[in-house]
Amino acid sequence: MTPEQNRITNTLKIQRAKKDLTQEQLAHLVGVTRKTINTVENGKYIPSTYLALKLSIILGVSVEDLFQLVSESKE
């Protein structure tokens, strides 16, 4: 059995583009800075449950459509 490492991926940039929103516009709608949206999109920051829920509501998708837990096997 090999150890596994989990990481979170997201489709925030794709979902935001589908709604034709800039990072700045989305940030304003959910009450955070543009930099926060940027760091979430680039996988540098994992948002709180509260922010993830707000993003999913604004974008009209489920939290699971925005964020996925991916298991990676280590060899």
C-alpha atoms as a PDB file:
ATOM      1  CA  MET A   1       0.000   0.000   0.000  1.00  0.00           C
ATOM      2  CA  THR A   2       1.406   3.407  -0.945  1.00  0.00           C
ATOM      3  CA  PRO A   3       0.819   6.598   1.038  1.00  0.00           C
ATOM      4  CA  GLU A   4      -1.551   9.097  -0.528  1.00  0.00           C
ATOM      5  CA  GLN A   5      -1.467  12.856  -0.461  1.00  0.00           C
ATOM      6  CA  ASN A   6      -4.645  14.874  -0.931  1.00  0.00           C
ATOM      7  CA  ARG A   7      -4.877  18.256  -2.553  1.00  0.00           C
ATOM      8  CA  ILE A   8      -7.725  20.560  -3.453  1.00  0.00           C
ATOM      9  CA  THR A   9      -8.230  21.712  -7.011  1.00  0.00           C
ATOM     10  CA  ASN A  10     -10.783  24.224  -8.239  1.00  0.00           C
ATOM     11  CA  THR A  11     -12.636  25.399 -11.318  1.00  0.00           C
ATOM     12  CA  LEU A  12     -13.177  28.932 -10.034  1.00  0.00           C
ATOM     13  CA  LYS A  13     -11.539  30.630 -13.019  1.00  0.00           C
ATOM     14  CA  ILE A  14     -13.640  28.605 -15.469  1.00  0.00           C
ATOM     15  CA  GLN A  15     -16.887  29.221 -13.580  1.00  0.00           C
ATOM     16  CA  ARG A  16     -16.104  32.935 -13.236  1.00  0.00           C
ATOM     17  CA  ALA A  17     -15.424  33.191 -16.983  1.00  0.00           C
ATOM     18  CA  LYS A  18     -18.755  31.481 -17.751  1.00  0.00           C
ATOM     19  CA  LYS A  19     -20.471  34.321 -15.877  1.00  0.00           C
ATOM     20  CA  ASP A  20     -18.298  36.895 -17.689  1.00  0.00           C
ATOM     21  CA  LEU A  21     -16.982  38.300 -14.387  1.00  0.00           C
ATOM     22  CA  THR A  22     -13.569  39.768 -13.702  1.00  0.00           C
ATOM     23  CA  GLN A  23     -11.699  38.832 -10.542  1.00  0.00           C
ATOM     24  CA  GLU A  24     -12.475  42.323  -9.245  1.00  0.00           C
ATOM     25  CA  GLN A  25     -16.200  41.985  -9.923  1.00  0.00           C
ATOM     26  CA  LEU A  26     -16.428  38.569  -8.267  1.00  0.00           C
ATOM     27  CA  ALA A  27     -14.413  39.796  -5.302  1.00  0.00           C
ATOM     28  CA  HIS A  28     -16.839  42.700  -4.842  1.00  0.00           C
ATOM     29  CA  LEU A  29     -19.855  40.371  -5.015  1.00  0.00           C
ATOM     30  CA  VAL A  30     -18.518  38.057  -2.295  1.00  0.00           C
ATOM     31  CA  GLY A  31     -16.861  40.736  -0.156  1.00  0.00           C
ATOM     32  CA  VAL A  32     -13.172  39.915  -0.524  1.00  0.00           C
ATOM     33  CA  THR A  33     -10.217  41.436  -2.367  1.00  0.00           C
ATOM     34  CA  ARG A  34      -9.251  40.681  -5.966  1.00  0.00           C
ATOM     35  CA  LYS A  35      -6.027  39.187  -4.616  1.00  0.00           C
ATOM     36  CA  THR A  36      -8.039  36.667  -2.578  1.00  0.00           C
ATOM     37  CA  ILE A  37      -9.886  35.531  -5.710  1.00  0.00           C
ATOM     38  CA  ASN A  38      -6.565  35.330  -7.566  1.00  0.00           C
ATOM     39  CA  THR A  39      -4.900  33.218  -4.881  1.00  0.00           C
ATOM     40  CA  VAL A  40      -7.886  30.849  -4.721  1.00  0.00           C
ATOM     41  CA  GLU A  41      -7.906  30.446  -8.512  1.00  0.00           C
ATOM     42  CA  ASN A  42      -4.178  29.668  -8.489  1.00  0.00           C
ATOM     43  CA  GLY A  43      -4.479  27.123  -5.677  1.00  0.00           C
ATOM     44  CA  LYS A  44      -2.378  29.181  -3.266  1.00  0.00           C
ATOM     45  CA  TYR A  45      -5.244  29.671  -0.797  1.00  0.00           C
ATOM     46  CA  ILE A  46      -8.040  27.335   0.271  1.00  0.00           C
ATOM     47  CA  PRO A  47     -11.109  29.399   1.134  1.00  0.00           C
ATOM     48  CA  SER A  48     -13.199  29.002   4.259  1.00  0.00           C
ATOM     49  CA  THR A  49     -16.455  27.107   4.031  1.00  0.00           C
ATOM     50  CA  TYR A  50     -18.277  30.433   4.250  1.00  0.00           C
ATOM     51  CA  LEU A  51     -16.401  31.891   1.260  1.00  0.00           C
ATOM     52  CA  ALA A  52     -16.747  28.664  -0.742  1.00  0.00           C
ATOM     53  CA  LEU A  53     -20.511  28.738  -0.180  1.00  0.00           C
ATOM     54  CA  LYS A  54     -20.749  32.420  -1.160  1.00  0.00           C
ATOM     55  CA  LEU A  55     -18.768  31.747  -4.346  1.00  0.00           C
ATOM     56  CA  SER A  56     -20.987  28.798  -5.268  1.00  0.00           C
ATOM     57  CA  ILE A  57     -24.161  30.845  -4.755  1.00  0.00           C
ATOM     58  CA  ILE A  58     -22.897  33.798  -6.817  1.00  0.00           C
ATOM     59  CA  LEU A  59     -21.665  31.521  -9.611  1.00  0.00           C
ATOM     60  CA  GLY A  60     -24.756  29.301  -9.537  1.00  0.00           C
ATOM     61  CA  VAL A  61     -22.898  26.020  -9.090  1.00  0.00           C
ATOM     62  CA  SER A  62     -22.393  23.586  -6.228  1.00  0.00           C
ATOM     63  CA  VAL A  63     -19.371  23.769  -3.953  1.00  0.00           C
ATOM     64  CA  GLU A  64     -18.385  20.376  -5.362  1.00  0.00           C
ATOM     65  CA  ASP A  65     -18.371  21.867  -8.867  1.00  0.00           C
ATOM     66  CA  LEU A  66     -15.955  24.572  -7.654  1.00  0.00           C
ATOM     67  CA  PHE A  67     -13.654  22.528  -5.392  1.00  0.00           C
ATOM     68  CA  GLN A  68     -12.484  18.934  -5.662  1.00  0.00           C
ATOM     69  CA  LEU A  69     -10.369  16.806  -3.349  1.00  0.00           C
ATOM     70  CA  VAL A  70      -7.852  14.858  -5.422  1.00  0.00           C
ATOM     71  CA  SER A  71      -5.864  11.925  -4.064  1.00  0.00           C
ATOM     72  CA  GLU A  72      -2.387  11.476  -5.431  1.00  0.00           C
ATOM     73  CA  SER A  73      -0.425   8.304  -4.807  1.00  0.00           C
ATOM     74  CA  LYS A  74       3.181   8.800  -3.691  1.00  0.00           C
ATOM     75  CA  GLU A  75       5.663   6.334  -5.030  1.00  0.00           C
END
